[in-house]
Each structure stands twice: as C-alpha cells, then as structure tokens.
Amino acid sequence: VQAGGSLRLSCAASGRTLSINGMGWFRQAPGKEREFVAAISRSRGT
C-alpha cells in the first residue's frame, strides 16, 4: 500500500483455541529485531 493507506490483517486460530487468552501482533523489519505491535486478552479485553 501507499503511505497513508490502510490494511486489515487477520489471524485465524485453530486447534486448542480454548486454551488461548492473549493474542498479539508483532512485526519484524529487515535487519531489525521483532517488536511488539498490539495485544488483546480474551478474559477482559485488555
């Protein structure tokens, strides 16, 4: 996309999904370490 644009990422979980509480997004740019982007909990929606 061009700067200023939008994208929507999706992540579908399967398997033992009831065991999941937190889900998060991380990203890694070339030559850089993986960094945190966002996270959300199932229990309280934190």
All heavy atoms as atom14 arrays in JSON, in Angstrom:
{
  "sequence": "VQAGGSLRLSCAASGRTLSINGMGWFRQAPGKEREFVAAISRSRGT",
  "atom14_mask": [
    [1, 1, 1, 1, 1, 1, 1, 0, 0, 0, 0, 0, 0, 0],
    [1, 1, 1, 1, 1, 1, 1, 1, 1, 0, 0, 0, 0, 0],
    [1, 1, 1, 1, 1, 0, 0, 0, 0, 0, 0, 0, 0, 0],
    [1, 1, 1, 1, 0, 0, 0, 0, 0, 0, 0, 0, 0, 0],
    [1, 1, 1, 1, 0, 0, 0, 0, 0, 0, 0, 0, 0, 0],
    [1, 1, 1, 1, 1, 1, 0, 0, 0, 0, 0, 0, 0, 0],
    [1, 1, 1, 1, 1, 1, 1, 1, 0, 0, 0, 0, 0, 0],
    [1, 1, 1, 1, 1, 1, 1, 1, 1, 1, 1, 0, 0, 0],
    [1, 1, 1, 1, 1, 1, 1, 1, 0, 0, 0, 0, 0, 0],
    [1, 1, 1, 1, 1, 1, 0, 0, 0, 0, 0, 0, 0, 0],
    [1, 1, 1, 1, 1, 1, 0, 0, 0, 0, 0, 0, 0, 0],
    [1, 1, 1, 1, 1, 0, 0, 0, 0, 0, 0, 0, 0, 0],
    [1, 1, 1, 1, 1, 0, 0, 0, 0, 0, 0, 0, 0, 0],
    [1, 1, 1, 1, 1, 1, 0, 0, 0, 0, 0, 0, 0, 0],
    [1, 1, 1, 1, 0, 0, 0, 0, 0, 0, 0, 0, 0, 0],
    [1, 1, 1, 1, 1, 1, 1, 1, 1, 1, 1, 0, 0, 0],
    [1, 1, 1, 1, 1, 1, 1, 0, 0, 0, 0, 0, 0, 0],
    [1, 1, 1, 1, 1, 1, 1, 1, 0, 0, 0, 0, 0, 0],
    [1, 1, 1, 1, 1, 1, 0, 0, 0, 0, 0, 0, 0, 0],
    [1, 1, 1, 1, 1, 1, 1, 1, 0, 0, 0, 0, 0, 0],
    [1, 1, 1, 1, 1, 1, 1, 1, 0, 0, 0, 0, 0, 0],
    [1, 1, 1, 1, 0, 0, 0, 0, 0, 0, 0, 0, 0, 0],
    [1, 1, 1, 1, 1, 1, 1, 1, 0, 0, 0, 0, 0, 0],
    [1, 1, 1, 1, 0, 0, 0, 0, 0, 0, 0, 0, 0, 0],
    [1, 1, 1, 1, 1, 1, 1, 1, 1, 1, 1, 1, 1, 1],
    [1, 1, 1, 1, 1, 1, 1, 1, 1, 1, 1, 0, 0, 0],
    [1, 1, 1, 1, 1, 1, 1, 1, 1, 1, 1, 0, 0, 0],
    [1, 1, 1, 1, 1, 1, 1, 1, 1, 0, 0, 0, 0, 0],
    [1, 1, 1, 1, 1, 0, 0, 0, 0, 0, 0, 0, 0, 0],
    [1, 1, 1, 1, 1, 1, 1, 0, 0, 0, 0, 0, 0, 0],
    [1, 1, 1, 1, 0, 0, 0, 0, 0, 0, 0, 0, 0, 0],
    [1, 1, 1, 1, 1, 1, 1, 1, 1, 0, 0, 0, 0, 0],
    [1, 1, 1, 1, 1, 1, 1, 1, 1, 0, 0, 0, 0, 0],
    [1, 1, 1, 1, 1, 1, 1, 1, 1, 1, 1, 0, 0, 0],
    [1, 1, 1, 1, 1, 1, 1, 1, 1, 0, 0, 0, 0, 0],
    [1, 1, 1, 1, 1, 1, 1, 1, 1, 1, 1, 0, 0, 0],
    [1, 1, 1, 1, 1, 1, 1, 0, 0, 0, 0, 0, 0, 0],
    [1, 1, 1, 1, 1, 0, 0, 0, 0, 0, 0, 0, 0, 0],
    [1, 1, 1, 1, 1, 0, 0, 0, 0, 0, 0, 0, 0, 0],
    [1, 1, 1, 1, 1, 1, 1, 1, 0, 0, 0, 0, 0, 0],
    [1, 1, 1, 1, 1, 1, 0, 0, 0, 0, 0, 0, 0, 0],
    [1, 1, 1, 1, 1, 1, 1, 1, 1, 1, 1, 0, 0, 0],
    [1, 1, 1, 1, 1, 1, 0, 0, 0, 0, 0, 0, 0, 0],
    [1, 1, 1, 1, 1, 1, 1, 1, 1, 1, 1, 0, 0, 0],
    [1, 1, 1, 1, 0, 0, 0, 0, 0, 0, 0, 0, 0, 0],
    [1, 1, 1, 1, 1, 1, 1, 0, 0, 0, 0, 0, 0, 0]
  ],
  "atom14_positions": [
    [[0.84, -1.19, 0.0], [0.0, 0.0, 0.0], [0.88, 1.24, 0.0], [2.05, 1.2, 0.38], [-0.96, 0.05, 1.21], [-1.91, -1.13, 1.19], [-0.17, 0.08, 2.51], [0.0, 0.0, 0.0], [0.0, 0.0, 0.0], [0.0, 0.0, 0.0], [0.0, 0.0, 0.0], [0.0, 0.0, 0.0], [0.0, 0.0, 0.0], [0.0, 0.0, 0.0]],
    [[0.3, 2.34, -0.41], [0.98, 3.62, -0.36], [0.86, 4.22, 1.04], [-0.06, 3.9, 1.79], [0.41, 4.59, -1.39], [0.68, 4.2, -2.82], [0.18, 5.25, -3.8], [-0.7, 6.04, -3.49], [0.76, 5.26, -5.0], [0.0, 0.0, 0.0], [0.0, 0.0, 0.0], [0.0, 0.0, 0.0], [0.0, 0.0, 0.0], [0.0, 0.0, 0.0]],
    [[1.8, 5.07, 1.37], [1.74, 5.77, 2.65], [0.4, 6.48, 2.79], [-0.1, 7.1, 1.86], [2.88, 6.77, 2.76], [0.0, 0.0, 0.0], [0.0, 0.0, 0.0], [0.0, 0.0, 0.0], [0.0, 0.0, 0.0], [0.0, 0.0, 0.0], [0.0, 0.0, 0.0], [0.0, 0.0, 0.0], [0.0, 0.0, 0.0], [0.0, 0.0, 0.0]],
    [[-0.17, 6.37, 3.98], [-1.48, 6.93, 4.24], [-2.62, 5.96, 4.02], [-3.76, 6.26, 4.42], [0.0, 0.0, 0.0], [0.0, 0.0, 0.0], [0.0, 0.0, 0.0], [0.0, 0.0, 0.0], [0.0, 0.0, 0.0], [0.0, 0.0, 0.0], [0.0, 0.0, 0.0], [0.0, 0.0, 0.0], [0.0, 0.0, 0.0], [0.0, 0.0, 0.0]],
    [[-2.34, 4.83, 3.43], [-3.36, 3.85, 3.16], [-3.64, 2.96, 4.35], [-3.09, 3.15, 5.44], [0.0, 0.0, 0.0], [0.0, 0.0, 0.0], [0.0, 0.0, 0.0], [0.0, 0.0, 0.0], [0.0, 0.0, 0.0], [0.0, 0.0, 0.0], [0.0, 0.0, 0.0], [0.0, 0.0, 0.0], [0.0, 0.0, 0.0], [0.0, 0.0, 0.0]],
    [[-4.49, 1.97, 4.12], [-4.94, 1.08, 5.18], [-4.87, -0.37, 4.76], [-4.99, -0.7, 3.58], [-6.39, 1.41, 5.58], [-6.52, 2.72, 6.08], [0.0, 0.0, 0.0], [0.0, 0.0, 0.0], [0.0, 0.0, 0.0], [0.0, 0.0, 0.0], [0.0, 0.0, 0.0], [0.0, 0.0, 0.0], [0.0, 0.0, 0.0], [0.0, 0.0, 0.0]],
    [[-4.68, -1.22, 5.74], [-4.76, -2.66, 5.57], [-5.41, -3.25, 6.81], [-5.3, -2.68, 7.9], [-3.39, -3.3, 5.38], [-2.69, -3.16, 4.04], [-1.28, -3.73, 4.14], [-3.46, -3.86, 2.94], [0.0, 0.0, 0.0], [0.0, 0.0, 0.0], [0.0, 0.0, 0.0], [0.0, 0.0, 0.0], [0.0, 0.0, 0.0], [0.0, 0.0, 0.0]],
    [[-6.05, -4.38, 6.64], [-6.61, -5.11, 7.76], [-6.04, -6.52, 7.76], [-6.28, -7.28, 6.83], [-8.13, -5.17, 7.69], [-8.77, -5.72, 8.97], [-10.23, -6.03, 8.77], [-10.92, -6.25, 10.03], [-12.08, -6.88, 10.14], [-12.69, -7.35, 9.07], [-12.65, -7.03, 11.34], [0.0, 0.0, 0.0], [0.0, 0.0, 0.0], [0.0, 0.0, 0.0]],
    [[-5.31, -6.84, 8.8], [-4.75, -8.16, 8.96], [-5.68, -9.03, 9.78], [-6.34, -8.56, 10.7], [-3.39, -8.09, 9.65], [-2.33, -7.19, 9.03], [-1.02, -7.31, 9.8], [-2.13, -7.51, 7.56], [0.0, 0.0, 0.0], [0.0, 0.0, 0.0], [0.0, 0.0, 0.0], [0.0, 0.0, 0.0], [0.0, 0.0, 0.0], [0.0, 0.0, 0.0]],
    [[-5.71, -10.3, 9.44], [-6.5, -11.27, 10.18], [-5.6, -12.41, 10.62], [-4.63, -12.75, 9.94], [-7.64, -11.83, 9.32], [-8.53, -10.81, 8.93], [0.0, 0.0, 0.0], [0.0, 0.0, 0.0], [0.0, 0.0, 0.0], [0.0, 0.0, 0.0], [0.0, 0.0, 0.0], [0.0, 0.0, 0.0], [0.0, 0.0, 0.0], [0.0, 0.0, 0.0]],
    [[-5.93, -12.99, 11.74], [-5.23, -14.16, 12.25], [-6.25, -15.15, 12.76], [-6.96, -14.86, 13.73], [-4.27, -13.76, 13.37], [-3.47, -15.16, 14.19], [0.0, 0.0, 0.0], [0.0, 0.0, 0.0], [0.0, 0.0, 0.0], [0.0, 0.0, 0.0], [0.0, 0.0, 0.0], [0.0, 0.0, 0.0], [0.0, 0.0, 0.0], [0.0, 0.0, 0.0]],
    [[-6.33, -16.28, 12.11], [-7.27, -17.32, 12.48], [-6.57, -18.4, 13.28], [-5.55, -18.94, 12.84], [-7.92, -17.92, 11.24], [0.0, 0.0, 0.0], [0.0, 0.0, 0.0], [0.0, 0.0, 0.0], [0.0, 0.0, 0.0], [0.0, 0.0, 0.0], [0.0, 0.0, 0.0], [0.0, 0.0, 0.0], [0.0, 0.0, 0.0], [0.0, 0.0, 0.0]],
    [[-7.11, -18.71, 14.44], [-6.55, -19.74, 15.3], [-7.35, -21.02, 15.19], [-8.58, -21.0, 15.08], [-6.53, -19.27, 16.75], [0.0, 0.0, 0.0], [0.0, 0.0, 0.0], [0.0, 0.0, 0.0], [0.0, 0.0, 0.0], [0.0, 0.0, 0.0], [0.0, 0.0, 0.0], [0.0, 0.0, 0.0], [0.0, 0.0, 0.0], [0.0, 0.0, 0.0]],
    [[-6.66, -22.12, 15.24], [-7.31, -23.42, 15.23], [-6.59, -24.35, 16.2], [-5.52, -24.03, 16.7], [-7.34, -24.02, 13.82], [-6.02, -24.21, 13.32], [0.0, 0.0, 0.0], [0.0, 0.0, 0.0], [0.0, 0.0, 0.0], [0.0, 0.0, 0.0], [0.0, 0.0, 0.0], [0.0, 0.0, 0.0], [0.0, 0.0, 0.0], [0.0, 0.0, 0.0]],
    [[-7.19, -25.49, 16.45], [-6.63, -26.42, 17.42], [-7.25, -26.18, 18.78], [-8.46, -26.01, 18.9], [0.0, 0.0, 0.0], [0.0, 0.0, 0.0], [0.0, 0.0, 0.0], [0.0, 0.0, 0.0], [0.0, 0.0, 0.0], [0.0, 0.0, 0.0], [0.0, 0.0, 0.0], [0.0, 0.0, 0.0], [0.0, 0.0, 0.0], [0.0, 0.0, 0.0]],
    [[-6.42, -26.14, 19.8], [-6.88, -25.97, 21.17], [-7.09, -24.49, 21.47], [-6.42, -23.91, 22.33], [-5.9, -26.6, 22.15], [-5.7, -28.1, 21.93], [-4.75, -28.69, 22.94], [-5.28, -28.58, 24.29], [-4.62, -28.97, 25.39], [-3.41, -29.47, 25.27], [-5.18, -28.83, 26.58], [0.0, 0.0, 0.0], [0.0, 0.0, 0.0], [0.0, 0.0, 0.0]],
    [[-8.05, -23.9, 20.79], [-8.25, -22.45, 20.89], [-8.79, -22.02, 22.25], [-8.6, -20.86, 22.64], [-9.2, -21.97, 19.79], [-10.44, -22.67, 19.88], [-8.58, -22.2, 18.42], [0.0, 0.0, 0.0], [0.0, 0.0, 0.0], [0.0, 0.0, 0.0], [0.0, 0.0, 0.0], [0.0, 0.0, 0.0], [0.0, 0.0, 0.0], [0.0, 0.0, 0.0]],
    [[-9.44, -22.91, 22.96], [-9.97, -22.54, 24.27], [-8.86, -22.28, 25.28], [-9.11, -21.68, 26.33], [-10.91, -23.61, 24.8], [-12.22, -23.79, 24.05], [-13.04, -24.92, 24.66], [-13.02, -22.5, 24.06], [0.0, 0.0, 0.0], [0.0, 0.0, 0.0], [0.0, 0.0, 0.0], [0.0, 0.0, 0.0], [0.0, 0.0, 0.0], [0.0, 0.0, 0.0]],
    [[-7.67, -22.73, 24.98], [-6.55, -22.5, 25.87], [-5.94, -21.11, 25.7], [-5.11, -20.71, 26.51], [-5.47, -23.56, 25.64], [-4.87, -23.42, 24.36], [0.0, 0.0, 0.0], [0.0, 0.0, 0.0], [0.0, 0.0, 0.0], [0.0, 0.0, 0.0], [0.0, 0.0, 0.0], [0.0, 0.0, 0.0], [0.0, 0.0, 0.0], [0.0, 0.0, 0.0]],
    [[-6.33, -20.39, 24.68], [-5.76, -19.08, 24.39], [-6.39, -18.0, 25.25], [-7.6, -17.92, 25.37], [-5.95, -18.72, 22.9], [-5.23, -19.72, 22.01], [-5.46, -17.3, 22.63], [-5.52, -19.54, 20.54], [0.0, 0.0, 0.0], [0.0, 0.0, 0.0], [0.0, 0.0, 0.0], [0.0, 0.0, 0.0], [0.0, 0.0, 0.0], [0.0, 0.0, 0.0]],
    [[-5.55, -17.18, 25.83], [-6.02, -15.96, 26.49], [-5.59, -14.73, 25.69], [-6.4, -14.05, 25.09], [-5.51, -15.87, 27.92], [-6.01, -14.62, 28.6], [-7.1, -14.14, 28.34], [-5.18, -14.05, 29.49], [0.0, 0.0, 0.0], [0.0, 0.0, 0.0], [0.0, 0.0, 0.0], [0.0, 0.0, 0.0], [0.0, 0.0, 0.0], [0.0, 0.0, 0.0]],
    [[-4.31, -14.47, 25.68], [-3.81, -13.31, 24.97], [-3.51, -13.62, 23.52], [-3.02, -14.69, 23.18], [0.0, 0.0, 0.0], [0.0, 0.0, 0.0], [0.0, 0.0, 0.0], [0.0, 0.0, 0.0], [0.0, 0.0, 0.0], [0.0, 0.0, 0.0], [0.0, 0.0, 0.0], [0.0, 0.0, 0.0], [0.0, 0.0, 0.0], [0.0, 0.0, 0.0]],
    [[-3.8, -12.66, 22.66], [-3.39, -12.72, 21.27], [-2.76, -11.39, 20.92], [-3.24, -10.34, 21.34], [-4.55, -13.03, 20.34], [-5.16, -14.4, 20.57], [-6.34, -14.9, 19.29], [-5.21, -15.21, 17.92], [0.0, 0.0, 0.0], [0.0, 0.0, 0.0], [0.0, 0.0, 0.0], [0.0, 0.0, 0.0], [0.0, 0.0, 0.0], [0.0, 0.0, 0.0]],
    [[-1.69, -11.46, 20.17], [-0.96, -10.25, 19.86], [-0.41, -10.23, 18.46], [-0.41, -11.24, 17.75], [0.0, 0.0, 0.0], [0.0, 0.0, 0.0], [0.0, 0.0, 0.0], [0.0, 0.0, 0.0], [0.0, 0.0, 0.0], [0.0, 0.0, 0.0], [0.0, 0.0, 0.0], [0.0, 0.0, 0.0], [0.0, 0.0, 0.0], [0.0, 0.0, 0.0]],
    [[0.02, -9.05, 18.07], [0.69, -8.84, 16.8], [2.09, -8.3, 17.06], [2.27, -7.38, 17.87], [-0.08, -7.85, 15.92], [-1.37, -8.39, 15.38], [-2.61, -8.23, 15.91], [-1.52, -9.17, 14.19], [-3.54, -8.86, 15.13], [-2.91, -9.45, 14.06], [-0.65, -9.65, 13.23], [-3.42, -10.19, 13.01], [-1.16, -10.4, 12.18], [-2.53, -10.65, 12.08]],
    [[3.04, -8.88, 16.36], [4.42, -8.42, 16.37], [4.85, -8.19, 14.94], [4.22, -8.68, 14.0], [5.33, -9.45, 17.04], [5.07, -9.65, 18.5], [3.99, -10.41, 18.93], [5.89, -9.07, 19.45], [3.74, -10.59, 20.28], [5.65, -9.25, 20.81], [4.58, -10.01, 21.21], [0.0, 0.0, 0.0], [0.0, 0.0, 0.0], [0.0, 0.0, 0.0]],
    [[5.92, -7.46, 14.76], [6.42, -7.24, 13.41], [7.94, -7.23, 13.43], [8.57, -6.92, 14.44], [5.89, -5.93, 12.81], [6.36, -4.67, 13.51], [5.63, -3.46, 12.97], [6.11, -2.21, 13.55], [5.56, -1.03, 13.35], [4.49, -0.91, 12.55], [6.06, 0.05, 13.92], [0.0, 0.0, 0.0], [0.0, 0.0, 0.0], [0.0, 0.0, 0.0]],
    [[8.51, -7.56, 12.29], [9.95, -7.57, 12.15], [10.33, -7.0, 10.8], [9.97, -7.55, 9.75], [10.51, -8.99, 12.3], [12.02, -9.04, 12.34], [12.53, -10.4, 12.79], [11.84, -11.4, 12.66], [13.73, -10.41, 13.33], [0.0, 0.0, 0.0], [0.0, 0.0, 0.0], [0.0, 0.0, 0.0], [0.0, 0.0, 0.0], [0.0, 0.0, 0.0]],
    [[11.04, -5.9, 10.83], [11.55, -5.26, 9.62], [12.92, -5.83, 9.3], [13.61, -6.36, 10.17], [11.62, -3.75, 9.81], [0.0, 0.0, 0.0], [0.0, 0.0, 0.0], [0.0, 0.0, 0.0], [0.0, 0.0, 0.0], [0.0, 0.0, 0.0], [0.0, 0.0, 0.0], [0.0, 0.0, 0.0], [0.0, 0.0, 0.0], [0.0, 0.0, 0.0]],
    [[13.34, -5.73, 8.04], [14.66, -6.25, 7.67], [15.77, -5.66, 8.52], [15.85, -4.45, 8.71], [14.8, -5.82, 6.21], [13.4, -5.71, 5.71], [12.62, -5.18, 6.88], [0.0, 0.0, 0.0], [0.0, 0.0, 0.0], [0.0, 0.0, 0.0], [0.0, 0.0, 0.0], [0.0, 0.0, 0.0], [0.0, 0.0, 0.0], [0.0, 0.0, 0.0]],
    [[16.61, -6.53, 9.05], [17.74, -6.1, 9.85], [17.41, -5.66, 11.25], [18.3, -5.18, 11.97], [0.0, 0.0, 0.0], [0.0, 0.0, 0.0], [0.0, 0.0, 0.0], [0.0, 0.0, 0.0], [0.0, 0.0, 0.0], [0.0, 0.0, 0.0], [0.0, 0.0, 0.0], [0.0, 0.0, 0.0], [0.0, 0.0, 0.0], [0.0, 0.0, 0.0]],
    [[16.17, -5.8, 11.66], [15.76, -5.37, 12.98], [15.19, -6.54, 13.78], [14.78, -7.55, 13.22], [14.73, -4.25, 12.9], [15.24, -2.97, 12.26], [14.19, -1.88, 12.3], [14.71, -0.59, 11.71], [13.68, 0.48, 11.75], [0.0, 0.0, 0.0], [0.0, 0.0, 0.0], [0.0, 0.0, 0.0], [0.0, 0.0, 0.0], [0.0, 0.0, 0.0]],
    [[15.15, -6.36, 15.08], [14.55, -7.36, 15.94], [13.04, -7.28, 15.87], [12.46, -6.25, 15.52], [15.01, -7.17, 17.38], [16.49, -7.41, 17.6], [16.88, -7.31, 19.06], [16.04, -6.89, 19.88], [18.02, -7.65, 19.39], [0.0, 0.0, 0.0], [0.0, 0.0, 0.0], [0.0, 0.0, 0.0], [0.0, 0.0, 0.0], [0.0, 0.0, 0.0]],
    [[12.41, -8.37, 16.21], [10.96, -8.4, 16.25], [10.46, -7.48, 17.37], [11.0, -7.49, 18.47], [10.46, -9.82, 16.47], [8.96, -9.98, 16.4], [8.59, -11.43, 16.14], [9.17, -12.35, 17.1], [9.18, -13.67, 16.96], [8.65, -14.22, 15.87], [9.73, -14.43, 17.89], [0.0, 0.0, 0.0], [0.0, 0.0, 0.0], [0.0, 0.0, 0.0]],
    [[9.44, -6.7, 17.08], [8.91, -5.76, 18.05], [7.41, -5.93, 18.25], [6.69, -6.35, 17.34], [9.22, -4.32, 17.64], [8.5, -3.85, 16.39], [8.67, -2.37, 16.1], [9.0, -1.62, 17.04], [8.48, -1.97, 14.94], [0.0, 0.0, 0.0], [0.0, 0.0, 0.0], [0.0, 0.0, 0.0], [0.0, 0.0, 0.0], [0.0, 0.0, 0.0]],
    [[6.98, -5.58, 19.42], [5.58, -5.66, 19.76], [4.78, -4.59, 19.04], [5.24, -3.46, 18.87], [5.43, -5.49, 21.28], [4.01, -5.32, 21.72], [3.15, -6.4, 21.8], [3.53, -4.07, 22.07], [1.84, -6.24, 22.21], [2.22, -3.89, 22.48], [1.38, -4.98, 22.55], [0.0, 0.0, 0.0], [0.0, 0.0, 0.0], [0.0, 0.0, 0.0]],
    [[3.57, -4.95, 18.63], [2.67, -4.01, 17.97], [1.41, -3.78, 18.8], [1.08, -2.65, 19.17], [2.29, -4.48, 16.56], [1.28, -3.52, 15.93], [3.53, -4.6, 15.69], [0.0, 0.0, 0.0], [0.0, 0.0, 0.0], [0.0, 0.0, 0.0], [0.0, 0.0, 0.0], [0.0, 0.0, 0.0], [0.0, 0.0, 0.0], [0.0, 0.0, 0.0]],
    [[0.69, -4.85, 19.09], [-0.57, -4.74, 19.83], [-0.94, -6.1, 20.4], [-0.53, -7.13, 19.88], [-1.69, -4.23, 18.92], [0.0, 0.0, 0.0], [0.0, 0.0, 0.0], [0.0, 0.0, 0.0], [0.0, 0.0, 0.0], [0.0, 0.0, 0.0], [0.0, 0.0, 0.0], [0.0, 0.0, 0.0], [0.0, 0.0, 0.0], [0.0, 0.0, 0.0]],
    [[-1.74, -6.09, 21.46], [-2.19, -7.34, 22.06], [-3.55, -7.13, 22.7], [-3.91, -6.01, 23.09], [-1.19, -7.84, 23.11], [0.0, 0.0, 0.0], [0.0, 0.0, 0.0], [0.0, 0.0, 0.0], [0.0, 0.0, 0.0], [0.0, 0.0, 0.0], [0.0, 0.0, 0.0], [0.0, 0.0, 0.0], [0.0, 0.0, 0.0], [0.0, 0.0, 0.0]],
    [[-4.29, -8.22, 22.83], [-5.62, -8.17, 23.42], [-5.87, -9.47, 24.17], [-5.46, -10.54, 23.74], [-6.7, -7.93, 22.34], [-8.09, -7.76, 22.97], [-6.7, -9.06, 21.31], [-9.13, -7.27, 21.98], [0.0, 0.0, 0.0], [0.0, 0.0, 0.0], [0.0, 0.0, 0.0], [0.0, 0.0, 0.0], [0.0, 0.0, 0.0], [0.0, 0.0, 0.0]],
    [[-6.55, -9.38, 25.31], [-6.85, -10.56, 26.1], [-8.29, -11.0, 25.88], [-9.17, -10.19, 25.57], [-6.61, -10.3, 27.58], [-7.57, -9.4, 28.12], [0.0, 0.0, 0.0], [0.0, 0.0, 0.0], [0.0, 0.0, 0.0], [0.0, 0.0, 0.0], [0.0, 0.0, 0.0], [0.0, 0.0, 0.0], [0.0, 0.0, 0.0], [0.0, 0.0, 0.0]],
    [[-8.52, -12.3, 26.05], [-9.87, -12.83, 25.92], [-10.72, -12.49, 27.14], [-11.89, -12.15, 27.01], [-9.81, -14.35, 25.75], [-11.17, -15.03, 25.67], [-11.04, -16.54, 25.84], [-10.24, -17.13, 24.79], [-10.72, -17.59, 23.64], [-12.03, -17.5, 23.39], [-9.91, -18.12, 22.75], [0.0, 0.0, 0.0], [0.0, 0.0, 0.0], [0.0, 0.0, 0.0]],
    [[-10.12, -12.6, 28.32], [-10.88, -12.51, 29.56], [-11.53, -11.16, 29.77], [-12.74, -11.07, 29.99], [-9.97, -12.86, 30.73], [-8.83, -12.03, 30.76], [0.0, 0.0, 0.0], [0.0, 0.0, 0.0], [0.0, 0.0, 0.0], [0.0, 0.0, 0.0], [0.0, 0.0, 0.0], [0.0, 0.0, 0.0], [0.0, 0.0, 0.0], [0.0, 0.0, 0.0]],
    [[-10.74, -10.1, 29.73], [-11.27, -8.77, 30.0], [-11.2, -7.82, 28.8], [-11.65, -6.69, 28.9], [-10.53, -8.14, 31.18], [-10.78, -8.82, 32.5], [-10.14, -8.06, 33.64], [-10.47, -8.63, 34.94], [-10.07, -8.14, 36.1], [-9.31, -7.05, 36.13], [-10.43, -8.72, 37.24], [0.0, 0.0, 0.0], [0.0, 0.0, 0.0], [0.0, 0.0, 0.0]],
    [[-10.64, -8.29, 27.72], [-10.49, -7.41, 26.58], [-9.44, -6.34, 26.77], [-9.5, -5.29, 26.11], [0.0, 0.0, 0.0], [0.0, 0.0, 0.0], [0.0, 0.0, 0.0], [0.0, 0.0, 0.0], [0.0, 0.0, 0.0], [0.0, 0.0, 0.0], [0.0, 0.0, 0.0], [0.0, 0.0, 0.0], [0.0, 0.0, 0.0], [0.0, 0.0, 0.0]],
    [[-8.51, -6.58, 27.66], [-7.41, -5.65, 27.85], [-6.63, -5.48, 26.56], [-6.37, -6.46, 25.85], [-6.47, -6.15, 28.96], [-7.22, -6.34, 30.16], [-5.35, -5.15, 29.21], [0.0, 0.0, 0.0], [0.0, 0.0, 0.0], [0.0, 0.0, 0.0], [0.0, 0.0, 0.0], [0.0, 0.0, 0.0], [0.0, 0.0, 0.0], [0.0, 0.0, 0.0]]
  ]
}
